[in-house]
Amino acid sequence: MRISFLSRRRAITVGILSSLSLCAQTPPSEGQGIPPRSAPADYQAKAVAGNVTIAADFVAHAVPTPQGPLTTEDFVVVEVAFYGPPEARLKIAAEDFSIRINGKKMPTPSQPYGLALKSLKDPEWVPPSTEEKGSKGGINTGGNQGAPKPDPPKMPFPLRRAMEQRAQKVALPEGDRALPQAGLIFFPYRGKDSSIRNIELIYTGAAGTATLSFEQ
């Protein structure tokens, strides 16, 4: 199934955050993922592998969480969901997925969410001012001209840890699971969103094989 994703990105993020708000009051344990939507048709793309339907949204460099979206410049993110017949179970693993962007010959395998944590940013966090202070009279004497600029301020560790935990909790739950299940998977990609023309999400896992196509 092919569908434009960049034009719908804002609406998709809002939809994901609406689903996430269902568990915002009681933070989920690590690996709980995202509440699945009511049906596979609620996602951008879907495909069938055996008796399981896989649905997905491409959300680019955004990382939706119940407390608000985060971003990562080093990874792109896909929300993926599994649906099956009543009482169905499936062994789920993020490593079952790979992604092909802009027709690249070799698809890129997914990476454990832990590798994406160090590149996370919170758009709502405002670092303290880094402006250089002048003399007591407010005049810059120029004594520091040519000196290297100070490193940008880092997010305090407690805030950084809380941000990382937000991403951990929405990662795709793995292992033998009752369906439906949904969560985020991560793929290394530093390109701009605007440079992405088409995407193939490739699944090879316990349910079989499937390819989900997204195209601008």
C-alpha atoms as a PDB file:
ATOM      1  CA  MET A   1       0.000   0.000   0.000  1.00  0.00           C
ATOM      2  CA  ARG A   2       1.411   3.429  -0.951  1.00  0.00           C
ATOM      3  CA  ILE A   3       0.499   6.674   0.690  1.00  0.00           C
ATOM      4  CA  SER A   4       1.965  10.178   1.138  1.00  0.00           C
ATOM      5  CA  PHE A   5       3.564  10.486   4.546  1.00  0.00           C
ATOM      6  CA  LEU A   6       5.203  13.908   4.715  1.00  0.00           C
ATOM      7  CA  SER A   7       1.952  15.784   4.087  1.00  0.00           C
ATOM      8  CA  ARG A   8       0.286  13.849   6.919  1.00  0.00           C
ATOM      9  CA  ARG A   9       3.147  13.997   9.424  1.00  0.00           C
ATOM     10  CA  ARG A  10       1.546  16.550  11.761  1.00  0.00           C
ATOM     11  CA  ALA A  11      -1.794  14.704  11.813  1.00  0.00           C
ATOM     12  CA  ILE A  12      -0.034  11.387  12.419  1.00  0.00           C
ATOM     13  CA  THR A  13       1.942  12.741  15.366  1.00  0.00           C
ATOM     14  CA  VAL A  14      -1.248  14.153  16.893  1.00  0.00           C
ATOM     15  CA  GLY A  15      -2.941  10.777  16.446  1.00  0.00           C
ATOM     16  CA  ILE A  16      -0.077   8.941  18.119  1.00  0.00           C
ATOM     17  CA  LEU A  17      -0.028  11.374  21.028  1.00  0.00           C
ATOM     18  CA  SER A  18      -3.780  10.900  21.451  1.00  0.00           C
ATOM     19  CA  SER A  19      -3.248   7.150  21.765  1.00  0.00           C
ATOM     20  CA  LEU A  20      -0.368   7.684  24.158  1.00  0.00           C
ATOM     21  CA  SER A  21      -2.504   9.896  26.395  1.00  0.00           C
ATOM     22  CA  LEU A  22      -4.446   6.781  27.400  1.00  0.00           C
ATOM     23  CA  CYS A  23      -1.480   5.700  29.526  1.00  0.00           C
ATOM     24  CA  ALA A  24      -0.067   9.110  30.459  1.00  0.00           C
ATOM     25  CA  GLN A  25      -1.545   9.175  33.967  1.00  0.00           C
ATOM     26  CA  THR A  26       0.083   5.876  34.959  1.00  0.00           C
ATOM     27  CA  PRO A  27       3.509   5.575  33.311  1.00  0.00           C
ATOM     28  CA  PRO A  28       3.908   2.143  31.679  1.00  0.00           C
ATOM     29  CA  SER A  29       6.712  -0.186  32.605  1.00  0.00           C
ATOM     30  CA  GLU A  30       9.642  -0.453  30.222  1.00  0.00           C
ATOM     31  CA  GLY A  31       8.685  -2.155  26.988  1.00  0.00           C
ATOM     32  CA  GLN A  32       4.929  -1.605  27.208  1.00  0.00           C
ATOM     33  CA  GLY A  33       4.889   0.216  23.899  1.00  0.00           C
ATOM     34  CA  ILE A  34       1.967   2.222  22.544  1.00  0.00           C
ATOM     35  CA  PRO A  35      -1.751   1.380  22.754  1.00  0.00           C
ATOM     36  CA  PRO A  36      -2.680  -0.133  19.358  1.00  0.00           C
ATOM     37  CA  ARG A  37      -5.270   1.760  17.345  1.00  0.00           C
ATOM     38  CA  SER A  38      -8.685   0.300  16.722  1.00  0.00           C
ATOM     39  CA  ALA A  39      -7.798  -1.217  13.341  1.00  0.00           C
ATOM     40  CA  PRO A  40      -4.880  -1.580  10.886  1.00  0.00           C
ATOM     41  CA  ALA A  41      -6.649   0.841   8.541  1.00  0.00           C
ATOM     42  CA  ASP A  42      -5.891   3.631  11.028  1.00  0.00           C
ATOM     43  CA  TYR A  43      -2.217   3.516  10.001  1.00  0.00           C
ATOM     44  CA  GLN A  44      -0.476   4.810   6.877  1.00  0.00           C
ATOM     45  CA  ALA A  45       0.373   1.370   5.546  1.00  0.00           C
ATOM     46  CA  LYS A  46      -0.427  -2.263   6.228  1.00  0.00           C
ATOM     47  CA  ALA A  47       0.475  -5.713   4.944  1.00  0.00           C
ATOM     48  CA  VAL A  48      -0.304  -9.332   5.801  1.00  0.00           C
ATOM     49  CA  ALA A  49       2.213 -11.935   6.997  1.00  0.00           C
ATOM     50  CA  GLY A  50       0.584 -15.314   7.579  1.00  0.00           C
ATOM     51  CA  ASN A  51      -2.467 -14.728   9.784  1.00  0.00           C
ATOM     52  CA  VAL A  52      -1.026 -11.471  11.170  1.00  0.00           C
ATOM     53  CA  THR A  53      -1.607  -7.971   9.854  1.00  0.00           C
ATOM     54  CA  ILE A  54       1.256  -5.516  10.306  1.00  0.00           C
ATOM     55  CA  ALA A  55       0.418  -1.806  10.196  1.00  0.00           C
ATOM     56  CA  ALA A  56       2.756   1.162  10.476  1.00  0.00           C
ATOM     57  CA  ASP A  57       3.222   4.933  10.477  1.00  0.00           C
ATOM     58  CA  PHE A  58       6.482   6.606   9.506  1.00  0.00           C
ATOM     59  CA  VAL A  59       7.099   9.524  11.890  1.00  0.00           C
ATOM     60  CA  ALA A  60      10.571  10.532  10.632  1.00  0.00           C
ATOM     61  CA  HIS A  61      12.860  12.051  13.292  1.00  0.00           C
ATOM     62  CA  ALA A  62      10.061  12.418  15.873  1.00  0.00           C
ATOM     63  CA  VAL A  63       9.705  10.212  18.956  1.00  0.00           C
ATOM     64  CA  PRO A  64       6.113  10.519  20.248  1.00  0.00           C
ATOM     65  CA  THR A  65       5.687   9.985  24.008  1.00  0.00           C
ATOM     66  CA  PRO A  66       2.768  10.555  26.424  1.00  0.00           C
ATOM     67  CA  GLN A  67       4.463  13.658  27.842  1.00  0.00           C
ATOM     68  CA  GLY A  68       5.065  15.189  24.402  1.00  0.00           C
ATOM     69  CA  PRO A  69       7.213  14.521  21.329  1.00  0.00           C
ATOM     70  CA  LEU A  70      10.985  14.143  21.449  1.00  0.00           C
ATOM     71  CA  THR A  71      13.322  14.289  18.455  1.00  0.00           C
ATOM     72  CA  THR A  72      16.459  12.527  17.244  1.00  0.00           C
ATOM     73  CA  GLU A  73      18.711  13.699  14.422  1.00  0.00           C
ATOM     74  CA  ASP A  74      20.491  10.343  14.091  1.00  0.00           C
ATOM     75  CA  PHE A  75      17.489   8.022  13.690  1.00  0.00           C
ATOM     76  CA  VAL A  76      14.133   7.824  11.965  1.00  0.00           C
ATOM     77  CA  VAL A  77      11.229   6.213  13.779  1.00  0.00           C
ATOM     78  CA  VAL A  78       8.376   3.947  12.734  1.00  0.00           C
ATOM     79  CA  GLU A  79       5.340   3.146  14.847  1.00  0.00           C
ATOM     80  CA  VAL A  80       4.463  -0.467  14.074  1.00  0.00           C
ATOM     81  CA  ALA A  81       1.477  -2.545  15.199  1.00  0.00           C
ATOM     82  CA  PHE A  82       0.596  -6.243  15.003  1.00  0.00           C
ATOM     83  CA  TYR A  83      -2.972  -7.528  14.715  1.00  0.00           C
ATOM     84  CA  GLY A  84      -4.168 -11.126  14.645  1.00  0.00           C
ATOM     85  CA  PRO A  85      -7.220 -13.356  15.133  1.00  0.00           C
ATOM     86  CA  PRO A  86      -8.745 -13.693  18.618  1.00  0.00           C
ATOM     87  CA  GLU A  87      -6.330 -15.040  21.244  1.00  0.00           C
ATOM     88  CA  ALA A  88      -3.417 -14.860  18.777  1.00  0.00           C
ATOM     89  CA  ARG A  89       0.123 -14.586  20.098  1.00  0.00           C
ATOM     90  CA  LEU A  90       3.352 -13.763  18.283  1.00  0.00           C
ATOM     91  CA  LYS A  91       7.048 -13.655  19.044  1.00  0.00           C
ATOM     92  CA  ILE A  92       7.899  -9.996  18.392  1.00  0.00           C
ATOM     93  CA  ALA A  93      11.372  -8.563  17.854  1.00  0.00           C
ATOM     94  CA  ALA A  94      12.466  -5.154  16.597  1.00  0.00           C
ATOM     95  CA  GLU A  95      15.338  -6.848  14.766  1.00  0.00           C
ATOM     96  CA  ASP A  96      12.776  -8.479  12.441  1.00  0.00           C
ATOM     97  CA  PHE A  97      12.476  -5.114  10.667  1.00  0.00           C
ATOM     98  CA  SER A  98      14.646  -3.272   8.178  1.00  0.00           C
ATOM     99  CA  ILE A  99      13.998  -0.151   6.124  1.00  0.00           C
ATOM    100  CA  ARG A 100      14.839   0.900   2.582  1.00  0.00           C
ATOM    101  CA  ILE A 101      14.840   4.669   2.010  1.00  0.00           C
ATOM    102  CA  ASN A 102      14.794   6.209  -1.481  1.00  0.00           C
ATOM    103  CA  GLY A 103      15.327   2.843  -3.170  1.00  0.00           C
ATOM    104  CA  LYS A 104      18.667   2.146  -1.490  1.00  0.00           C
ATOM    105  CA  LYS A 105      19.982  -1.220  -2.662  1.00  0.00           C
ATOM    106  CA  MET A 106      20.603  -2.651   0.794  1.00  0.00           C
ATOM    107  CA  PRO A 107      17.947  -2.069   3.468  1.00  0.00           C
ATOM    108  CA  THR A 108      19.051  -0.733   6.854  1.00  0.00           C
ATOM    109  CA  PRO A 109      18.318  -3.016   9.830  1.00  0.00           C
ATOM    110  CA  SER A 110      16.601  -1.611  12.898  1.00  0.00           C
ATOM    111  CA  GLN A 111      18.715  -0.787  15.942  1.00  0.00           C
ATOM    112  CA  PRO A 112      17.968  -1.347  19.634  1.00  0.00           C
ATOM    113  CA  TYR A 113      16.218   1.684  21.081  1.00  0.00           C
ATOM    114  CA  GLY A 114      19.088   2.089  23.550  1.00  0.00           C
ATOM    115  CA  LEU A 115      21.371   3.261  20.740  1.00  0.00           C
ATOM    116  CA  ALA A 116      19.000   6.128  19.961  1.00  0.00           C
ATOM    117  CA  LEU A 117      18.831   7.441  23.528  1.00  0.00           C
ATOM    118  CA  LYS A 118      22.041   9.478  23.401  1.00  0.00           C
ATOM    119  CA  SER A 119      20.781  11.454  20.389  1.00  0.00           C
ATOM    120  CA  LEU A 120      17.416  12.353  21.940  1.00  0.00           C
ATOM    121  CA  LYS A 121      16.395  15.988  22.300  1.00  0.00           C
ATOM    122  CA  ASP A 122      13.425  17.585  24.024  1.00  0.00           C
ATOM    123  CA  PRO A 123      12.128  20.544  21.977  1.00  0.00           C
ATOM    124  CA  GLU A 124      10.600  22.018  25.149  1.00  0.00           C
ATOM    125  CA  TRP A 125      13.886  22.131  27.083  1.00  0.00           C
ATOM    126  CA  VAL A 126      15.518  25.569  26.958  1.00  0.00           C
ATOM    127  CA  PRO A 127      19.213  25.541  27.938  1.00  0.00           C
ATOM    128  CA  PRO A 128      20.559  28.317  30.155  1.00  0.00           C
ATOM    129  CA  SER A 129      22.003  31.356  28.412  1.00  0.00           C
ATOM    130  CA  THR A 130      25.528  30.939  27.048  1.00  0.00           C
ATOM    131  CA  GLU A 131      26.125  34.626  26.293  1.00  0.00           C
ATOM    132  CA  GLU A 132      29.526  35.847  27.353  1.00  0.00           C
ATOM    133  CA  LYS A 133      29.514  38.333  30.197  1.00  0.00           C
ATOM    134  CA  GLY A 134      31.419  41.548  29.875  1.00  0.00           C
ATOM    135  CA  SER A 135      33.154  43.601  32.526  1.00  0.00           C
ATOM    136  CA  LYS A 136      31.436  44.786  35.703  1.00  0.00           C
ATOM    137  CA  GLY A 137      30.452  47.945  33.904  1.00  0.00           C
ATOM    138  CA  GLY A 138      28.785  45.942  31.162  1.00  0.00           C
ATOM    139  CA  ILE A 139      31.490  46.631  28.582  1.00  0.00           C
ATOM    140  CA  ASN A 140      33.247  43.746  26.879  1.00  0.00           C
ATOM    141  CA  THR A 141      36.963  44.445  27.184  1.00  0.00           C
ATOM    142  CA  GLY A 142      37.849  42.038  24.390  1.00  0.00           C
ATOM    143  CA  GLY A 143      40.193  40.097  26.619  1.00  0.00           C
ATOM    144  CA  ASN A 144      38.625  36.813  25.552  1.00  0.00           C
ATOM    145  CA  GLN A 145      38.875  37.439  21.837  1.00  0.00           C
ATOM    146  CA  GLY A 146      40.196  34.374  20.057  1.00  0.00           C
ATOM    147  CA  ALA A 147      39.388  32.083  22.971  1.00  0.00           C
ATOM    148  CA  PRO A 148      37.472  28.902  22.079  1.00  0.00           C
ATOM    149  CA  LYS A 149      33.747  29.050  22.584  1.00  0.00           C
ATOM    150  CA  PRO A 150      32.464  27.125  25.589  1.00  0.00           C
ATOM    151  CA  ASP A 151      30.723  23.826  24.994  1.00  0.00           C
ATOM    152  CA  PRO A 152      26.936  24.131  24.714  1.00  0.00           C
ATOM    153  CA  PRO A 153      25.170  23.488  28.030  1.00  0.00           C
ATOM    154  CA  LYS A 154      24.114  19.932  28.679  1.00  0.00           C
ATOM    155  CA  MET A 155      20.735  18.856  29.954  1.00  0.00           C
ATOM    156  CA  PRO A 156      20.938  18.047  33.690  1.00  0.00           C
ATOM    157  CA  PHE A 157      21.271  14.317  34.299  1.00  0.00           C
ATOM    158  CA  PRO A 158      17.872  13.854  36.052  1.00  0.00           C
ATOM    159  CA  LEU A 159      16.092  15.513  33.109  1.00  0.00           C
ATOM    160  CA  ARG A 160      18.142  13.524  30.598  1.00  0.00           C
ATOM    161  CA  ARG A 161      17.352  10.264  32.368  1.00  0.00           C
ATOM    162  CA  ALA A 162      13.640  11.073  32.496  1.00  0.00           C
ATOM    163  CA  MET A 163      13.680  11.865  28.771  1.00  0.00           C
ATOM    164  CA  GLU A 164      15.400   8.570  27.968  1.00  0.00           C
ATOM    165  CA  GLN A 165      12.869   6.666  30.059  1.00  0.00           C
ATOM    166  CA  ARG A 166      10.060   8.237  28.042  1.00  0.00           C
ATOM    167  CA  ALA A 167      11.560   6.776  24.864  1.00  0.00           C
ATOM    168  CA  GLN A 168      12.205   3.387  26.472  1.00  0.00           C
ATOM    169  CA  LYS A 169       8.581   3.028  27.519  1.00  0.00           C
ATOM    170  CA  VAL A 170       7.185   3.529  23.998  1.00  0.00           C
ATOM    171  CA  ALA A 171       9.653   1.174  22.295  1.00  0.00           C
ATOM    172  CA  LEU A 172       8.181  -1.916  20.664  1.00  0.00           C
ATOM    173  CA  PRO A 173       7.519  -4.606  23.310  1.00  0.00           C
ATOM    174  CA  GLU A 174       9.390  -7.808  22.451  1.00  0.00           C
ATOM    175  CA  GLY A 175       9.054 -11.486  23.171  1.00  0.00           C
ATOM    176  CA  ASP A 176       6.023 -13.771  23.067  1.00  0.00           C
ATOM    177  CA  ARG A 177       3.053 -11.387  23.201  1.00  0.00           C
ATOM    178  CA  ALA A 178      -0.716 -11.498  22.923  1.00  0.00           C
ATOM    179  CA  LEU A 179      -1.962  -9.440  19.979  1.00  0.00           C
ATOM    180  CA  PRO A 180      -2.561  -6.633  19.254  1.00  0.00           C
ATOM    181  CA  GLN A 181       0.707  -4.925  20.175  1.00  0.00           C
ATOM    182  CA  ALA A 182       2.282  -1.648  19.037  1.00  0.00           C
ATOM    183  CA  GLY A 183       5.408   0.386  19.669  1.00  0.00           C
ATOM    184  CA  LEU A 184       8.273   2.348  18.132  1.00  0.00           C
ATOM    185  CA  ILE A 185      11.269   0.974  16.247  1.00  0.00           C
ATOM    186  CA  PHE A 186      14.409   2.941  15.333  1.00  0.00           C
ATOM    187  CA  PHE A 187      16.585   3.061  12.210  1.00  0.00           C
ATOM    188  CA  PRO A 188      19.842   5.018  11.800  1.00  0.00           C
ATOM    189  CA  TYR A 189      19.385   7.861   9.301  1.00  0.00           C
ATOM    190  CA  ARG A 190      20.787  11.401   9.490  1.00  0.00           C
ATOM    191  CA  GLY A 191      19.209  12.800   6.317  1.00  0.00           C
ATOM    192  CA  LYS A 192      16.581  15.504   6.306  1.00  0.00           C
ATOM    193  CA  ASP A 193      12.896  14.582   6.246  1.00  0.00           C
ATOM    194  CA  SER A 194      12.463  16.596   3.046  1.00  0.00           C
ATOM    195  CA  SER A 195      14.999  14.377   1.246  1.00  0.00           C
ATOM    196  CA  ILE A 196      12.907  11.237   1.768  1.00  0.00           C
ATOM    197  CA  ARG A 197      10.882  10.304  -1.310  1.00  0.00           C
ATOM    198  CA  ASN A 198       9.806   6.745  -0.589  1.00  0.00           C
ATOM    199  CA  ILE A 199      10.182   4.071   2.055  1.00  0.00           C
ATOM    200  CA  GLU A 200       9.848   0.319   2.284  1.00  0.00           C
ATOM    201  CA  LEU A 201       9.482  -1.237   5.728  1.00  0.00           C
ATOM    202  CA  ILE A 202      10.506  -4.886   5.491  1.00  0.00           C
ATOM    203  CA  TYR A 203       9.442  -7.525   8.002  1.00  0.00           C
ATOM    204  CA  THR A 204      10.917 -11.025   8.235  1.00  0.00           C
ATOM    205  CA  GLY A 205       9.907 -12.726  11.449  1.00  0.00           C
ATOM    206  CA  ALA A 206       7.863 -15.401  13.166  1.00  0.00           C
ATOM    207  CA  ALA A 207       4.691 -14.487  11.234  1.00  0.00           C
ATOM    208  CA  GLY A 208       6.381 -14.701   7.818  1.00  0.00           C
ATOM    209  CA  THR A 209       7.447 -11.882   5.509  1.00  0.00           C
ATOM    210  CA  ALA A 210       5.822  -8.600   4.476  1.00  0.00           C
ATOM    211  CA  THR A 211       6.727  -5.263   2.915  1.00  0.00           C
ATOM    212  CA  LEU A 212       4.935  -2.020   3.763  1.00  0.00           C
ATOM    213  CA  SER A 213       5.397   0.816   1.262  1.00  0.00           C
ATOM    214  CA  PHE A 214       5.213   4.564   1.891  1.00  0.00           C
ATOM    215  CA  GLU A 215       5.655   7.079  -0.905  1.00  0.00           C
ATOM    216  CA  GLN A 216       5.462  10.872  -1.123  1.00  0.00           C
END
